[in-house]
Amino acid sequence: MAFELPQLGYAYDALEPHFDARTMEIHHSKHHNGYTTKLNAAIAGTDLEGKSIEDILTGLDMDNGGVRNNGGGFYNHRLFWEILNPEDRGRLSGELLDAINEKFGSKDTMIEQFSKAAATRFGSGWAWLCVHKGGKLEICSTPNQDNPLMPGVGCGGLPIMGIDVWEHAYYLNYQNRRPDYISAFFKVVNWNVIEAKYAAAK
């Protein structure tokens, strides 16, 4: 069964003024749609067809550029849309907050380290908050459309929060001001969803 472009669950203008409607529309309907279409083409007729995206990425042949780039693009963007919310964003609490305090000392320090990972990723890529078995957290970044599910990328665990720092994610509104875009991300991130992902992953 072919992968389908996920629906957002909110309008393209719902995250304004932090994420502008035109960027959201292009990002979702052009970029993510393109990764989805190309992923389906890359796995058609192979033993990857019919597998979940998680199974595809965890067992990935990293030399398979078509699946690596487009499978990563599909998965990464799907997570990105899921953790954004224009309304009920929740408040970081419970087991996830406890794990953050244990690993980083405070929520503010975690956000600072995550923001630094995103801001200092050279060129295009992503920054991640990941959870390992047992609930331990890790912050890392990956180039291009790589993610922590892939073998040998230098960080592991299951991503529960990720930010796209490709210029297509922010350039219309923020131009070269990537730190401003990263700051805006934390004004629309949905802690309820991230907490649920943490609970399921740990």
Protein backbone atom coordinates (compact mmCIF):
# COMPACT_ATOMS: atom_id res chain seq x y z
CA MET A 1 0.00 0.00 0.00
CA ALA A 2 1.43 3.34 -1.06
CA PHE A 3 2.24 6.06 1.43
CA GLU A 4 -0.12 9.03 1.43
CA LEU A 5 0.55 12.68 2.21
CA PRO A 6 -0.67 13.21 5.80
CA GLN A 7 -3.29 15.87 6.36
CA LEU A 8 -2.36 18.63 8.78
CA GLY A 9 -5.49 18.78 10.90
CA TYR A 10 -5.35 22.59 10.86
CA ALA A 11 -5.41 25.30 8.21
CA TYR A 12 -2.24 26.62 6.59
CA ASP A 13 -2.78 30.00 8.28
CA ALA A 14 -3.49 28.54 11.73
CA LEU A 15 0.06 29.03 13.01
CA GLU A 16 0.38 32.70 12.04
CA PRO A 17 2.13 34.95 12.84
CA HIS A 18 4.80 32.44 13.85
CA PHE A 19 4.61 30.24 10.72
CA ASP A 20 3.10 32.04 7.73
CA ALA A 21 0.38 30.46 5.60
CA ARG A 22 2.28 30.60 2.30
CA THR A 23 5.31 28.80 3.73
CA MET A 24 3.07 26.18 5.33
CA GLU A 25 1.24 25.60 2.05
CA ILE A 26 4.42 25.24 0.01
CA HIS A 27 6.12 23.14 2.68
CA HIS A 28 3.24 20.69 2.95
CA SER A 29 1.69 20.56 -0.51
CA LYS A 30 4.93 20.81 -2.51
CA HIS A 31 7.90 19.62 -0.45
CA HIS A 32 6.27 16.93 1.69
CA ASN A 33 4.09 15.83 -1.20
CA GLY A 34 7.18 15.51 -3.36
CA TYR A 35 8.96 13.31 -0.82
CA THR A 36 5.86 11.12 -0.55
CA THR A 37 5.53 10.63 -4.30
CA LYS A 38 9.23 9.90 -4.76
CA LEU A 39 9.30 7.48 -1.82
CA ASN A 40 6.48 5.47 -3.37
CA ALA A 41 8.36 5.37 -6.66
CA ALA A 42 11.59 4.31 -4.92
CA ILE A 43 10.04 1.33 -3.14
CA ALA A 44 7.66 0.20 -5.89
CA GLY A 45 8.34 -3.41 -6.84
CA THR A 46 10.91 -3.94 -4.05
CA ASP A 47 10.77 -5.89 -0.78
CA LEU A 48 10.26 -2.55 0.99
CA GLU A 49 6.81 -2.15 -0.49
CA GLY A 50 4.15 -2.72 2.16
CA LYS A 51 6.49 -2.12 5.12
CA SER A 52 5.94 0.67 7.63
CA ILE A 53 8.11 3.76 7.25
CA GLU A 54 9.70 2.98 10.62
CA ASP A 55 10.70 -0.52 9.48
CA ILE A 56 12.03 0.87 6.21
CA LEU A 57 14.22 3.45 7.95
CA THR A 58 15.56 1.29 10.77
CA GLY A 59 16.69 -1.38 8.29
CA LEU A 60 17.79 1.08 5.63
CA ASP A 61 20.65 0.54 3.22
CA MET A 62 22.20 3.98 3.57
CA ASP A 63 23.57 3.77 0.03
CA ASN A 64 20.01 3.71 -1.30
CA GLY A 65 19.70 7.45 -1.84
CA GLY A 66 16.16 7.40 -3.19
CA VAL A 67 14.74 5.71 -0.10
CA ARG A 68 17.10 7.44 2.32
CA ASN A 69 16.28 10.96 1.13
CA ASN A 70 12.59 10.54 0.40
CA GLY A 71 11.80 8.11 3.19
CA GLY A 72 13.48 10.46 5.60
CA GLY A 73 11.65 13.41 4.11
CA PHE A 74 8.32 11.62 4.45
CA TYR A 75 8.86 10.53 8.06
CA ASN A 76 10.49 13.75 9.27
CA HIS A 77 7.76 16.02 7.95
CA ARG A 78 4.99 13.78 9.25
CA LEU A 79 6.43 14.12 12.76
CA PHE A 80 6.91 17.86 12.29
CA TRP A 81 3.22 18.48 11.45
CA GLU A 82 2.06 16.25 14.32
CA ILE A 83 3.86 18.21 17.02
CA LEU A 84 2.53 21.61 15.94
CA ASN A 85 -0.79 22.93 17.22
CA PRO A 86 -2.44 26.34 16.82
CA GLU A 87 -4.64 26.04 19.91
CA ASP A 88 -4.22 23.61 22.80
CA ARG A 89 -0.45 23.31 23.14
CA GLY A 90 -0.47 22.03 26.70
CA ARG A 91 2.14 22.60 29.35
CA LEU A 92 5.21 20.43 29.70
CA SER A 93 4.65 18.24 32.75
CA GLY A 94 4.69 14.73 34.12
CA GLU A 95 7.22 12.04 33.25
CA LEU A 96 8.61 13.94 30.27
CA LEU A 97 9.34 17.01 32.39
CA ASP A 98 10.96 14.75 35.00
CA ALA A 99 13.15 13.17 32.31
CA ILE A 100 14.09 16.60 30.93
CA ASN A 101 15.01 17.86 34.39
CA GLU A 102 17.10 14.75 35.03
CA LYS A 103 18.98 14.98 31.72
CA PHE A 104 19.25 18.73 31.15
CA GLY A 105 18.52 20.34 34.50
CA SER A 106 15.49 22.31 33.32
CA LYS A 107 13.07 22.83 30.45
CA ASP A 108 14.81 26.10 29.58
CA THR A 109 18.19 24.37 29.33
CA MET A 110 16.70 21.65 27.11
CA ILE A 111 15.20 24.28 24.81
CA GLU A 112 18.52 26.14 24.76
CA GLN A 113 20.46 23.00 23.79
CA PHE A 114 17.85 21.95 21.22
CA SER A 115 17.88 25.44 19.71
CA LYS A 116 21.67 25.39 19.52
CA ALA A 117 21.63 22.02 17.75
CA ALA A 118 19.16 23.43 15.22
CA ALA A 119 20.94 26.76 14.76
CA THR A 120 24.39 25.23 14.30
CA ARG A 121 23.37 22.48 11.85
CA PHE A 122 25.38 23.56 8.80
CA GLY A 123 23.34 23.74 5.62
CA SER A 124 20.11 21.77 5.60
CA GLY A 125 18.92 19.27 8.18
CA TRP A 126 17.02 18.65 11.38
CA ALA A 127 17.41 18.84 15.14
CA TRP A 128 15.85 16.18 17.35
CA LEU A 129 14.78 15.34 20.86
CA CYS A 130 14.92 11.54 21.09
CA VAL A 131 14.00 9.00 23.74
CA HIS A 132 15.91 5.79 24.34
CA LYS A 133 14.51 2.64 25.94
CA GLY A 134 14.06 3.31 29.63
CA GLY A 135 13.17 6.95 29.01
CA LYS A 136 16.58 8.61 28.69
CA LEU A 137 16.59 11.65 26.42
CA GLU A 138 19.10 12.87 23.84
CA ILE A 139 19.39 15.96 21.64
CA CYS A 140 21.14 15.70 18.30
CA SER A 141 21.00 16.93 14.73
CA THR A 142 21.24 15.22 11.35
CA PRO A 143 21.99 16.49 7.84
CA ASN A 144 19.57 16.62 4.94
CA GLN A 145 16.60 14.27 5.55
CA ASP A 146 18.48 11.81 7.77
CA ASN A 147 16.95 10.99 11.14
CA PRO A 148 17.83 9.01 14.28
CA LEU A 149 15.95 5.89 13.12
CA MET A 150 18.53 5.36 10.38
CA PRO A 151 21.62 3.25 11.09
CA GLY A 152 24.90 5.00 11.77
CA VAL A 153 23.73 8.61 11.78
CA GLY A 154 25.47 9.40 15.06
CA CYS A 155 22.44 9.63 17.34
CA GLY A 156 19.76 7.14 18.18
CA GLY A 157 16.52 6.56 19.95
CA LEU A 158 13.03 7.43 18.76
CA PRO A 159 12.42 11.05 17.74
CA ILE A 160 9.60 12.71 19.69
CA MET A 161 10.32 16.30 18.64
CA GLY A 162 12.02 17.56 15.51
CA ILE A 163 12.52 20.86 13.73
CA ASP A 164 13.14 21.29 10.04
CA VAL A 165 15.99 23.74 9.41
CA TRP A 166 15.99 23.49 5.65
CA GLU A 167 15.52 27.02 4.29
CA HIS A 168 12.25 26.01 2.64
CA ALA A 169 10.78 25.75 6.16
CA TYR A 170 11.27 29.41 7.01
CA TYR A 171 12.86 31.56 4.30
CA LEU A 172 9.78 33.46 3.10
CA ASN A 173 9.15 34.86 6.57
CA TYR A 174 12.53 34.75 8.30
CA GLN A 175 15.05 34.89 5.41
CA ASN A 176 18.43 34.03 6.94
CA ARG A 177 17.26 34.54 10.55
CA ARG A 178 17.18 30.86 11.49
CA PRO A 179 17.33 31.57 15.26
CA ASP A 180 14.13 33.64 15.00
CA TYR A 181 12.38 30.74 13.26
CA ILE A 182 13.60 28.32 15.94
CA SER A 183 12.26 30.62 18.64
CA ALA A 184 8.91 30.78 16.82
CA PHE A 185 8.78 26.98 16.72
CA PHE A 186 8.50 26.88 20.51
CA LYS A 187 5.47 29.16 20.34
CA VAL A 188 3.50 26.59 18.31
CA VAL A 189 4.90 23.27 19.55
CA ASN A 190 2.35 20.90 21.10
CA TRP A 191 3.66 19.52 24.39
CA ASN A 192 0.62 17.26 24.77
CA VAL A 193 1.58 15.33 21.64
CA ILE A 194 5.26 15.21 22.59
CA GLU A 195 4.39 13.90 26.06
CA ALA A 196 2.22 11.19 24.50
CA LYS A 197 5.05 10.19 22.16
CA TYR A 198 7.46 10.04 25.10
CA ALA A 199 5.10 7.82 27.10
CA ALA A 200 4.65 5.47 24.15
CA ALA A 201 8.38 5.31 23.36
CA LYS A 202 9.98 4.88 26.76
